[in-house]
Amino acid sequence: MTSTDPNHWYFAYGSNLWKQQMLTRTGTIPESRRARLDGYRLAFRKYLHTDEVYADVLPDASQHVLGVVYQCSPYALERLDIFEGVAGGCYRRDVIQVQSEEPAETLEAIVYRGHTSFSEIESKPSQEYLDRILAGLRDHQFASKYIESVLAIASQQRHHSK
């Protein structure tokens, strides 16, 4: 994308990995690539306003999270803001650097990170939510080793202090 291109990269690591969900939410996706977010780890945390448990990325210098960057129009990002509950304080937009796989390059991307409305306690997501993440990982042909690591994280319950 050039500096005059209105599109942005969006890094998906949770249920938006699933292509069918992304197409339903945003419409056409001009391009997608597998990517790695260094310095973060995947977590599942309870959203305080419901009993739902959602994916989040938390700072951890020794870890990385694999996901997909999608090229999104400003309209697509506005739609994602609605689905990610930005106005209600569920997630917030951050700008991060990711490493795309092919072509191999550093990209600036938007990521949705859990807002203060998330519990510090990590918990197990619903099977339906986890199934959407797993479908997305398979859509993008992630290695079975990474899929197994996501399953292991999703099955753990632990408490982390800030």
Protein backbone atom coordinates (compact mmCIF):
# COMPACT_ATOMS: atom_id res chain seq x y z
CA MET A 1 0.00 0.00 0.00
CA THR A 2 1.28 3.43 -0.83
CA SER A 3 1.05 6.52 1.36
CA THR A 4 -1.91 7.67 -0.75
CA ASP A 5 -3.76 4.35 -0.38
CA PRO A 6 -6.66 4.77 2.08
CA ASN A 7 -6.52 1.07 3.03
CA HIS A 8 -4.86 -0.20 6.19
CA TRP A 9 -3.53 -3.54 7.35
CA TYR A 10 -5.49 -5.15 10.17
CA PHE A 11 -3.89 -7.96 12.22
CA ALA A 12 -6.39 -10.69 13.19
CA TYR A 13 -5.47 -13.26 15.84
CA GLY A 14 -8.89 -14.38 17.14
CA SER A 15 -12.19 -15.30 15.49
CA ASN A 16 -11.58 -12.82 12.65
CA LEU A 17 -8.99 -15.26 11.35
CA TRP A 18 -11.97 -17.12 9.92
CA LYS A 19 -12.40 -15.84 6.36
CA GLN A 20 -16.18 -16.38 6.31
CA GLN A 21 -16.60 -14.20 9.42
CA MET A 22 -14.37 -11.45 8.02
CA LEU A 23 -16.21 -11.40 4.69
CA THR A 24 -19.55 -11.21 6.50
CA ARG A 25 -18.32 -8.35 8.66
CA THR A 26 -16.32 -6.29 6.18
CA GLY A 27 -17.19 -7.37 2.66
CA THR A 28 -14.41 -7.75 0.10
CA ILE A 29 -10.89 -8.31 1.38
CA PRO A 30 -8.41 -7.24 -1.31
CA GLU A 31 -5.44 -9.06 0.24
CA SER A 32 -4.49 -11.19 3.22
CA ARG A 33 -1.17 -12.59 4.44
CA ARG A 34 0.00 -14.68 7.37
CA ALA A 35 1.97 -12.57 9.84
CA ARG A 36 3.73 -12.65 13.22
CA LEU A 37 3.37 -10.16 16.07
CA ASP A 38 6.52 -10.23 18.20
CA GLY A 39 6.59 -9.21 21.86
CA TYR A 40 3.05 -10.38 22.66
CA ARG A 41 1.31 -13.57 23.71
CA LEU A 42 -2.16 -14.88 23.02
CA ALA A 43 -4.57 -14.93 25.97
CA PHE A 44 -8.27 -15.55 26.54
CA ARG A 45 -9.84 -13.15 29.00
CA LYS A 46 -13.34 -12.63 30.36
CA TYR A 47 -15.19 -9.55 29.22
CA LEU A 48 -16.55 -8.07 32.47
CA HIS A 49 -19.96 -7.04 31.11
CA THR A 50 -20.92 -10.60 30.06
CA ASP A 51 -19.81 -14.16 30.63
CA GLU A 52 -18.00 -14.17 27.30
CA VAL A 53 -14.29 -14.96 27.06
CA TYR A 54 -12.44 -13.45 24.10
CA ALA A 55 -8.96 -13.57 22.60
CA ASP A 56 -6.51 -10.80 23.42
CA VAL A 57 -2.82 -10.11 22.90
CA LEU A 58 -0.80 -9.18 25.96
CA PRO A 59 2.74 -7.76 26.04
CA ASP A 60 5.38 -10.45 26.61
CA ALA A 61 8.86 -9.82 25.22
CA SER A 62 9.66 -13.54 24.98
CA GLN A 63 6.58 -14.55 22.94
CA HIS A 64 4.89 -14.00 19.59
CA VAL A 65 1.40 -14.39 18.17
CA LEU A 66 0.66 -15.68 14.70
CA GLY A 67 -2.23 -14.28 12.74
CA VAL A 68 -3.31 -12.78 9.46
CA VAL A 69 -3.12 -9.25 8.15
CA TYR A 70 -6.07 -8.23 6.02
CA GLN A 71 -6.10 -5.17 3.80
CA CYS A 72 -9.11 -3.16 4.98
CA SER A 73 -10.77 -0.04 3.69
CA PRO A 74 -11.73 2.72 6.12
CA TYR A 75 -15.33 1.44 5.83
CA ALA A 76 -14.25 -2.12 6.72
CA LEU A 77 -12.41 -0.83 9.81
CA GLU A 78 -15.49 1.14 10.88
CA ARG A 79 -17.50 -2.09 10.59
CA LEU A 80 -14.87 -3.96 12.62
CA ASP A 81 -15.02 -1.25 15.30
CA ILE A 82 -18.71 -2.10 15.71
CA PHE A 83 -18.15 -5.86 15.91
CA GLU A 84 -15.19 -5.43 18.28
CA GLY A 85 -17.19 -3.19 20.62
CA VAL A 86 -14.83 -0.21 20.43
CA ALA A 87 -17.53 2.33 21.37
CA GLY A 88 -18.62 0.19 24.33
CA GLY A 89 -15.07 -0.26 25.64
CA CYS A 90 -14.59 -3.94 24.82
CA TYR A 91 -11.57 -3.53 22.52
CA ARG A 92 -9.46 -0.56 21.49
CA ARG A 93 -7.46 -0.02 18.32
CA ASP A 94 -3.67 0.01 18.58
CA VAL A 95 -1.08 0.34 15.84
CA ILE A 96 1.66 -2.30 15.87
CA GLN A 97 4.40 -3.68 13.65
CA VAL A 98 4.04 -7.20 12.28
CA GLN A 99 6.21 -9.37 10.08
CA SER A 100 4.34 -10.68 7.05
CA GLU A 101 5.32 -14.11 5.79
CA GLU A 102 5.04 -13.69 2.01
CA PRO A 103 6.33 -11.34 0.98
CA ALA A 104 8.58 -11.09 4.02
CA GLU A 105 8.34 -7.51 5.21
CA THR A 106 7.50 -5.37 8.22
CA LEU A 107 4.04 -3.87 8.07
CA GLU A 108 2.27 -1.31 10.22
CA ALA A 109 -1.09 -2.77 11.19
CA ILE A 110 -4.10 -2.06 13.35
CA VAL A 111 -4.79 -4.56 16.11
CA TYR A 112 -7.72 -4.73 18.50
CA ARG A 113 -6.57 -5.19 22.10
CA GLY A 114 -8.72 -5.77 25.14
CA HIS A 115 -9.70 -2.61 26.98
CA THR A 116 -9.85 -2.17 30.75
CA SER A 117 -13.26 -3.87 30.63
CA PHE A 118 -11.44 -7.22 30.54
CA SER A 119 -10.67 -9.22 33.66
CA GLU A 120 -7.05 -9.99 34.52
CA ILE A 121 -8.12 -13.59 34.95
CA GLU A 122 -7.55 -15.74 31.92
CA SER A 123 -10.28 -18.25 31.24
CA LYS A 124 -11.59 -20.78 28.74
CA PRO A 125 -13.45 -19.48 25.69
CA SER A 126 -16.68 -21.09 24.53
CA GLN A 127 -16.30 -24.01 22.15
CA GLU A 128 -18.20 -22.08 19.47
CA TYR A 129 -15.77 -19.13 19.69
CA LEU A 130 -12.73 -21.42 19.75
CA ASP A 131 -14.09 -23.32 16.73
CA ARG A 132 -14.19 -20.06 14.73
CA ILE A 133 -10.54 -19.38 15.61
CA LEU A 134 -9.54 -22.92 14.66
CA ALA A 135 -11.45 -22.65 11.37
CA GLY A 136 -9.50 -19.48 10.62
CA LEU A 137 -6.17 -21.08 11.42
CA ARG A 138 -7.04 -23.91 9.04
CA ASP A 139 -8.30 -21.44 6.38
CA HIS A 140 -4.86 -19.86 6.35
CA GLN A 141 -3.00 -23.19 6.61
CA PHE A 142 -1.19 -22.57 9.88
CA ALA A 143 1.04 -25.41 11.08
CA SER A 144 -0.58 -28.00 13.32
CA LYS A 145 1.99 -27.15 16.01
CA TYR A 146 0.60 -23.60 16.27
CA ILE A 147 -2.99 -24.84 16.24
CA GLU A 148 -2.10 -27.18 19.12
CA SER A 149 -0.53 -24.28 21.05
CA VAL A 150 -3.75 -22.24 20.67
CA LEU A 151 -5.77 -25.20 21.95
CA ALA A 152 -3.42 -25.49 24.93
CA ILE A 153 -3.74 -21.77 25.76
CA ALA A 154 -7.53 -21.97 25.43
CA SER A 155 -7.72 -24.88 27.87
CA GLN A 156 -5.76 -23.10 30.64
CA GLN A 157 -7.12 -20.91 33.39
CA ARG A 158 -4.58 -18.73 35.13
CA HIS A 159 -4.24 -15.38 36.82
CA HIS A 160 -1.75 -12.75 35.72
CA SER A 161 -1.09 -9.56 37.59
CA LYS A 162 -0.09 -6.40 35.78
